[in-house]
Structure formats: structure tokens, C-alpha cells
């Protein structure tokens, strides 16, 4: 298991521990504090636990080395896990929306004031968790870890919505008990919106969409530092897990021997993988320089 994978796995354990604690706190506070918004929040945190467990399993599977059946490794499991995580989000949002609508039409007691203090602490913790996990997802280039980070952010938003709803209900008094439920309904819509934002990049990864202009530019710059490389042409990148696989056309002097071109290609491949650690397979296609190439 490489350093990026170890970092991602440790971050996922952090998410699991945090979500488990918060699910219990929210659930108990919601039951004893007469707040469905908090109970809805607890439901989301519970789904987050299972989602984080899936992310953990996916990361460990993705770290397996390449084999005969998987010559490019097992990294594509990551976006697939992301799809499942999104499904958990959609299910939790649907449950929250259904229960919110049902509670809006059902008379119930006002929420307890102490729930606001609990929600305030939860909002701060979830936003901090979001920033920590998102930072680690960028460091490790993990799409499933990014999805896990957005679970924290969506949790923070639902808690903000619950805080506003409970505040309105408490301030306005009897007759405004449903403000808490309307807040939970709003939160479910936001969760669905975030689900799409998580789903779209993972779909692009599966479909080999190009999102990597900055990495292409970095590859071209590093390539020109290699002796014998005059220029670069096509550069195709596809992502699998935390690695980026590259197909690069490099231009060399057309008078070189096959052996010399072969050696330059290997030197270029080794240089790119050393200078840009997130690269996986690098395939170099040597092109002879001619009048059609502008160096």
C-alpha cells in the first residue's frame, strides 16, 4: 500500500469514527429534543457510516497491484464506489423528504432549546471534517474520498438548515412547529443537489473524459527537460483510482537509430514517473522530427 493509499485509508477511518459518534448524538438529541430535523440529520449520518465503509473497502481493493486480468491495476473500483456512495445519499435524502412532508401535516411539540447548542457544535465539527477530508482527497487524487468529504459538507448544511428551522420554531412559538420539518425538507433537496455534483466527475472518470489540462501541461514541460526530446504532440490521460495513465507522442531527431529512440523513450518514461508521482502507466510513442513539426 503506497503513501497516498495509506493517507486515504486513515482519513476514511477518521470519517467513520466521526459519523458514528454524531449519528448517536443527533439521534438522541432529536428524540429527546422533539426535533425531526435532528433525527433526519442522524439518518444521514448513519448512511454516511456505511458510505465511508464502502469507501474504505474500495480504497483497499484499488491498492492491489496490477495482475494478468487487470494490467492497469484495480483503480477503477473508486468511481464505482462513488456511485454507490451517491446512491446512499439519494436514499437518505428521499427518506428525509418523505418523513418531513409527513411530519409537516402532523401536529407535534416544539423542539427543545438545548438542541440548538448541539447543532452549533455539530456544524463546526462537520465543516472542519469536510475541509480535512477534502484536502486529503486532493493530496491523494481520490474521487471516492472526495465524495466522502462532500458527505461531511452536506451533513453540515443539513445541520445549518435544522438550526434555522428550530430557531424559527422556538422564536415564533406555537403554530410554527413545522419550521423544523420544512428545514429538513430543504436539507433533503440540497443533499440531492450535492449527489449530482459528486456523481458527475465519477461518471467522467469512468467514461475517460478529459479534465486534466494542467497535468498535460506539466507533462509537456517535464518532457522537454529530457535530452533528445525536441517536442511533444498528442497527450492522452485517463484516471484510474489515484493514478493517471498517460499516452504521449514525443518528437525526436529523425536520424536517430531505433535503439537510440528506444532509449530516449525509456528515459522519458522514467523521468515523468519520477517527477510526477501520481502517474501510473506511461506509454511513449516516438515520432521523427520533420518539416510538419514546429519545435
Protein backbone atom coordinates (compact mmCIF):
# COMPACT_ATOMS: atom_id res chain seq x y z
CA UNK A 1 0.00 0.00 0.00
CA UNK A 2 1.58 3.31 -1.10
CA UNK A 3 1.66 6.56 0.85
CA UNK A 4 -1.37 8.07 -0.89
CA UNK A 5 -3.46 4.98 -0.19
CA UNK A 6 -2.39 4.91 3.46
CA UNK A 7 -3.34 8.58 3.82
CA UNK A 8 -6.74 7.97 2.21
CA UNK A 9 -7.42 4.92 4.41
CA UNK A 10 -6.53 6.81 7.62
CA UNK A 11 -8.77 9.68 6.53
CA UNK A 12 -11.65 7.26 5.95
CA UNK A 13 -11.23 5.82 9.48
CA UNK A 14 -11.48 9.41 10.73
CA UNK A 15 -14.79 9.81 8.83
CA UNK A 16 -16.20 6.54 10.17
CA UNK A 17 -15.40 7.41 13.79
CA UNK A 18 -16.82 10.93 13.46
CA UNK A 19 -20.03 9.84 11.71
CA UNK A 20 -20.69 7.08 14.24
CA UNK A 21 -20.39 9.48 17.16
CA UNK A 22 -22.52 12.14 15.50
CA UNK A 23 -25.26 9.71 14.46
CA UNK A 24 -25.71 8.71 18.11
CA UNK A 25 -25.60 12.30 19.39
CA UNK A 26 -28.04 13.58 16.75
CA UNK A 27 -30.43 10.67 17.16
CA UNK A 28 -30.64 11.00 20.94
CA UNK A 29 -30.87 14.80 20.80
CA UNK A 30 -33.60 14.60 18.15
CA UNK A 31 -35.68 12.08 20.12
CA UNK A 32 -35.42 13.83 23.48
CA UNK A 33 -35.47 17.32 21.94
CA UNK A 34 -38.59 16.82 19.76
CA UNK A 35 -36.69 17.72 16.59
CA UNK A 36 -37.29 15.80 13.39
CA UNK A 37 -34.65 17.88 11.65
CA UNK A 38 -32.08 16.43 14.06
CA UNK A 39 -33.46 12.93 13.56
CA UNK A 40 -33.18 13.47 9.79
CA UNK A 41 -29.61 14.60 10.36
CA UNK A 42 -28.96 11.38 12.31
CA UNK A 43 -30.36 9.33 9.43
CA UNK A 44 -27.92 10.98 7.04
CA UNK A 45 -25.00 10.42 9.41
CA UNK A 46 -25.96 6.73 9.64
CA UNK A 47 -25.88 6.39 5.85
CA UNK A 48 -22.55 8.23 5.92
CA UNK A 49 -21.12 5.47 8.12
CA UNK A 50 -21.97 2.81 5.55
CA UNK A 51 -20.79 5.05 2.73
CA UNK A 52 -17.43 5.55 4.45
CA UNK A 53 -17.11 1.80 4.98
CA UNK A 54 -17.65 1.33 1.23
CA UNK A 55 -15.01 3.96 0.51
CA UNK A 56 -12.61 2.13 2.82
CA UNK A 57 -13.20 -1.21 1.08
CA UNK A 58 -12.85 0.46 -2.31
CA UNK A 59 -9.55 2.11 -1.39
CA UNK A 60 -8.09 -1.15 -0.13
CA UNK A 61 -9.22 -3.01 -3.26
CA UNK A 62 -7.90 -0.24 -5.53
CA UNK A 63 -4.46 -0.53 -3.90
CA UNK A 64 -4.00 -4.09 -5.17
CA UNK A 65 -1.15 -4.37 -7.69
CA UNK A 66 -1.77 -4.97 -11.38
CA UNK A 67 -2.22 -8.60 -12.40
CA UNK A 68 -2.88 -10.63 -15.55
CA UNK A 69 -6.59 -9.78 -15.57
CA UNK A 70 -6.09 -6.16 -14.50
CA UNK A 71 -2.92 -4.90 -16.25
CA UNK A 72 -3.76 -1.29 -15.34
CA UNK A 73 -4.45 -2.14 -11.71
CA UNK A 74 -7.73 -2.06 -9.79
CA UNK A 75 -8.19 1.72 -9.52
CA UNK A 76 -11.46 1.84 -11.46
CA UNK A 77 -13.22 0.46 -8.39
CA UNK A 78 -13.04 4.00 -6.94
CA UNK A 79 -15.61 5.70 -9.21
CA UNK A 80 -17.83 2.62 -8.89
CA UNK A 81 -17.74 3.00 -5.11
CA UNK A 82 -18.51 6.69 -5.60
CA UNK A 83 -21.68 5.72 -7.49
CA UNK A 84 -22.78 3.58 -4.54
CA UNK A 85 -22.00 6.40 -2.11
CA UNK A 86 -24.18 8.71 -4.22
CA UNK A 87 -26.96 6.10 -4.10
CA UNK A 88 -26.76 6.19 -0.29
CA UNK A 89 -27.09 9.96 -0.39
CA UNK A 90 -30.12 9.83 -2.68
CA UNK A 91 -31.81 7.20 -0.48
CA UNK A 92 -31.20 9.19 2.70
CA UNK A 93 -32.47 12.39 1.03
CA UNK A 94 -35.61 10.59 -0.13
CA UNK A 95 -36.29 9.22 3.37
CA UNK A 96 -35.78 12.65 4.93
CA UNK A 97 -38.08 14.31 2.37
CA UNK A 98 -40.83 11.72 2.84
CA UNK A 99 -40.74 11.92 6.63
CA UNK A 100 -40.55 15.72 6.57
CA UNK A 101 -43.68 16.01 4.43
CA UNK A 102 -45.46 13.55 6.71
CA UNK A 103 -44.43 15.48 9.84
CA UNK A 104 -45.44 18.85 8.39
CA UNK A 105 -49.07 17.72 8.40
CA UNK A 106 -48.84 16.06 11.82
CA UNK A 107 -49.16 18.21 14.98
CA UNK A 108 -46.22 17.87 17.33
CA UNK A 109 -44.45 19.66 20.16
CA UNK A 110 -41.93 22.46 19.74
CA UNK A 111 -38.24 21.43 19.68
CA UNK A 112 -36.26 21.83 22.90
CA UNK A 113 -33.88 24.84 23.10
CA UNK A 114 -30.87 22.66 24.02
CA UNK A 115 -30.91 21.19 20.50
CA UNK A 116 -29.54 24.49 19.17
CA UNK A 117 -26.34 24.16 21.21
CA UNK A 118 -25.82 20.61 19.98
CA UNK A 119 -26.41 21.68 16.38
CA UNK A 120 -23.96 24.58 16.69
CA UNK A 121 -21.19 22.22 17.80
CA UNK A 122 -22.10 19.71 15.06
CA UNK A 123 -21.97 22.37 12.32
CA UNK A 124 -18.46 23.42 13.33
CA UNK A 125 -17.23 19.83 13.57
CA UNK A 126 -18.69 18.78 10.20
CA UNK A 127 -17.27 21.78 8.38
CA UNK A 128 -13.83 21.09 9.88
CA UNK A 129 -14.19 17.43 8.86
CA UNK A 130 -15.16 18.47 5.32
CA UNK A 131 -12.06 20.61 4.95
CA UNK A 132 -9.76 17.91 6.34
CA UNK A 133 -11.12 15.13 4.13
CA UNK A 134 -11.31 17.34 1.02
CA UNK A 135 -7.67 18.37 1.49
CA UNK A 136 -6.66 14.70 1.76
CA UNK A 137 -8.71 13.82 -1.34
CA UNK A 138 -6.77 16.43 -3.34
CA UNK A 139 -3.45 15.17 -1.98
CA UNK A 140 -4.26 11.57 -2.90
CA UNK A 141 -6.30 12.27 -6.10
CA UNK A 142 -9.07 10.02 -4.73
CA UNK A 143 -12.56 10.52 -6.19
CA UNK A 144 -14.22 8.33 -3.56
CA UNK A 145 -12.52 10.28 -0.75
CA UNK A 146 -13.79 13.48 -2.36
CA UNK A 147 -17.30 12.00 -2.28
CA UNK A 148 -16.78 11.22 1.41
CA UNK A 149 -15.72 14.83 2.01
CA UNK A 150 -18.92 16.10 0.44
CA UNK A 151 -20.86 13.84 2.76
CA UNK A 152 -19.43 15.94 5.59
CA UNK A 153 -20.34 19.18 3.81
CA UNK A 154 -23.92 18.03 3.10
CA UNK A 155 -24.19 16.99 6.75
CA UNK A 156 -23.07 20.45 7.81
CA UNK A 157 -25.69 22.03 5.52
CA UNK A 158 -28.50 19.85 6.88
CA UNK A 159 -27.41 20.84 10.38
CA UNK A 160 -27.49 24.54 9.40
CA UNK A 161 -30.99 24.04 7.98
CA UNK A 162 -32.05 22.29 11.19
CA UNK A 163 -30.57 25.12 13.27
CA UNK A 164 -32.53 27.73 11.31
CA UNK A 165 -35.75 25.69 11.43
CA UNK A 166 -35.55 25.09 15.18
CA UNK A 167 -34.66 28.74 15.80
CA UNK A 168 -37.75 29.88 13.87
CA UNK A 169 -39.97 27.38 15.69
CA UNK A 170 -38.68 28.45 19.10
CA UNK A 171 -38.78 32.19 18.37
CA UNK A 172 -42.23 32.22 16.76
CA UNK A 173 -43.72 29.75 19.22
CA UNK A 174 -46.86 27.60 18.86
CA UNK A 175 -48.10 27.30 15.30
CA UNK A 176 -44.57 27.26 13.87
CA UNK A 177 -43.60 23.76 14.98
CA UNK A 178 -43.39 22.69 11.32
CA UNK A 179 -40.49 25.08 10.64
CA UNK A 180 -38.22 22.32 11.88
CA UNK A 181 -39.70 19.91 9.32
CA UNK A 182 -39.52 22.42 6.48
CA UNK A 183 -35.83 22.81 7.29
CA UNK A 184 -35.33 19.05 6.98
CA UNK A 185 -37.19 19.09 3.63
CA UNK A 186 -34.92 21.85 2.35
CA UNK A 187 -31.89 19.89 3.51
CA UNK A 188 -33.02 16.83 1.53
CA UNK A 189 -33.10 18.92 -1.67
CA UNK A 190 -29.59 20.17 -1.00
CA UNK A 191 -28.37 16.62 -0.45
CA UNK A 192 -29.79 15.63 -3.85
CA UNK A 193 -28.02 18.56 -5.49
CA UNK A 194 -24.71 17.58 -3.88
CA UNK A 195 -25.29 14.00 -5.04
CA UNK A 196 -25.20 15.19 -8.63
CA UNK A 197 -22.03 17.21 -8.03
CA UNK A 198 -20.34 14.07 -6.68
CA UNK A 199 -21.75 11.77 -9.37
CA UNK A 200 -20.75 13.83 -12.42
CA UNK A 201 -16.92 13.73 -12.04
CA UNK A 202 -17.01 10.00 -11.21
CA UNK A 203 -19.02 9.37 -14.39
CA UNK A 204 -16.46 11.36 -16.34
CA UNK A 205 -13.69 9.22 -14.88
CA UNK A 206 -15.42 6.02 -15.98
CA UNK A 207 -16.02 7.49 -19.46
CA UNK A 208 -12.40 8.70 -19.78
CA UNK A 209 -13.43 12.33 -20.16
CA UNK A 210 -10.60 14.83 -20.33
CA UNK A 211 -10.30 17.04 -17.24
CA UNK A 212 -6.54 17.23 -17.00
CA UNK A 213 -5.20 20.25 -18.93
CA UNK A 214 -2.93 21.29 -16.05
CA UNK A 215 -1.41 17.81 -15.84
CA UNK A 216 -0.89 17.70 -19.62
CA UNK A 217 0.98 20.99 -19.42
CA UNK A 218 3.14 19.68 -16.57
CA UNK A 219 3.93 16.54 -18.59
CA UNK A 220 4.96 18.61 -21.63
CA UNK A 221 7.22 20.84 -19.54
CA UNK A 222 8.96 17.88 -17.85
CA UNK A 223 9.31 16.08 -21.20
CA UNK A 224 11.29 18.94 -22.76
CA UNK A 225 13.85 18.62 -19.96
CA UNK A 226 14.78 15.13 -21.18
CA UNK A 227 17.82 15.06 -23.52
CA UNK A 228 16.78 14.13 -27.04
CA UNK A 229 13.14 15.21 -26.75
CA UNK A 230 12.51 18.05 -29.21
CA UNK A 231 8.79 18.46 -28.61
CA UNK A 232 5.59 16.61 -27.72
CA UNK A 233 2.39 16.05 -29.68
CA UNK A 234 -0.66 14.11 -28.55
CA UNK A 235 -1.05 13.55 -24.84
CA UNK A 236 -3.97 11.47 -23.62
CA UNK A 237 -4.70 10.95 -19.93
CA UNK A 238 -7.17 8.67 -18.19
CA UNK A 239 -7.61 8.31 -14.46
CA UNK A 240 -7.94 5.02 -12.57
CA UNK A 241 -8.17 5.33 -8.80
CA UNK A 242 -5.38 7.60 -7.61
CA UNK A 243 -3.22 7.13 -10.71
CA UNK A 244 -3.18 8.83 -14.10
CA UNK A 245 -2.28 6.70 -17.11
CA UNK A 246 -0.60 8.59 -19.97
CA UNK A 247 -0.22 8.06 -23.72
CA UNK A 248 2.33 10.57 -25.03
CA UNK A 249 3.72 11.20 -28.52
CA UNK A 250 7.26 12.59 -28.29
CA UNK A 251 9.24 14.08 -31.18
CA UNK A 252 12.93 13.22 -31.59
CA UNK A 253 15.57 13.67 -34.28
CA UNK A 254 14.51 11.60 -37.28
CA UNK A 255 18.09 10.46 -37.92
CA UNK A 256 18.37 8.51 -34.67
CA UNK A 257 18.58 4.73 -34.71
CA UNK A 258 15.74 2.60 -33.40
CA UNK A 259 17.90 1.74 -30.38
CA UNK A 260 18.56 5.42 -29.63
CA UNK A 261 14.87 6.27 -29.92
CA UNK A 262 14.03 3.34 -27.67
CA UNK A 263 16.48 4.52 -25.00
CA UNK A 264 15.14 8.08 -25.12
CA UNK A 265 11.58 6.78 -24.73
CA UNK A 266 12.56 4.81 -21.61
CA UNK A 267 14.42 7.80 -20.19
CA UNK A 268 11.37 9.99 -20.79
CA UNK A 269 9.05 7.45 -19.17
CA UNK A 270 11.27 7.10 -16.08
CA UNK A 271 11.68 10.88 -15.80
CA UNK A 272 7.94 11.55 -15.93
CA UNK A 273 7.15 8.91 -13.33
CA UNK A 274 9.89 10.23 -11.02
CA UNK A 275 8.92 13.89 -11.37
CA UNK A 276 5.15 13.37 -11.32
CA UNK A 277 4.50 10.58 -8.76
CA UNK A 278 0.75 10.34 -9.42
CA UNK A 279 1.40 8.92 -12.90
CA UNK A 280 0.73 5.21 -13.41
CA UNK A 281 1.39 3.59 -16.79
CA UNK A 282 3.21 5.86 -19.22
CA UNK A 283 3.23 4.81 -22.89
CA UNK A 284 5.64 6.76 -25.11
CA UNK A 285 5.21 6.84 -28.88
CA UNK A 286 8.28 8.20 -30.68
CA UNK A 287 7.73 10.50 -33.66
CA UNK A 288 10.57 11.52 -36.02
CA UNK A 289 11.03 15.24 -36.47
CA UNK A 290 10.19 16.58 -39.94
CA UNK A 291 9.00 19.82 -41.56
CA UNK A 292 5.45 19.26 -40.30
CA UNK A 293 6.62 19.58 -36.69
CA UNK A 294 7.23 23.05 -35.33
CA UNK A 295 9.65 22.86 -32.43
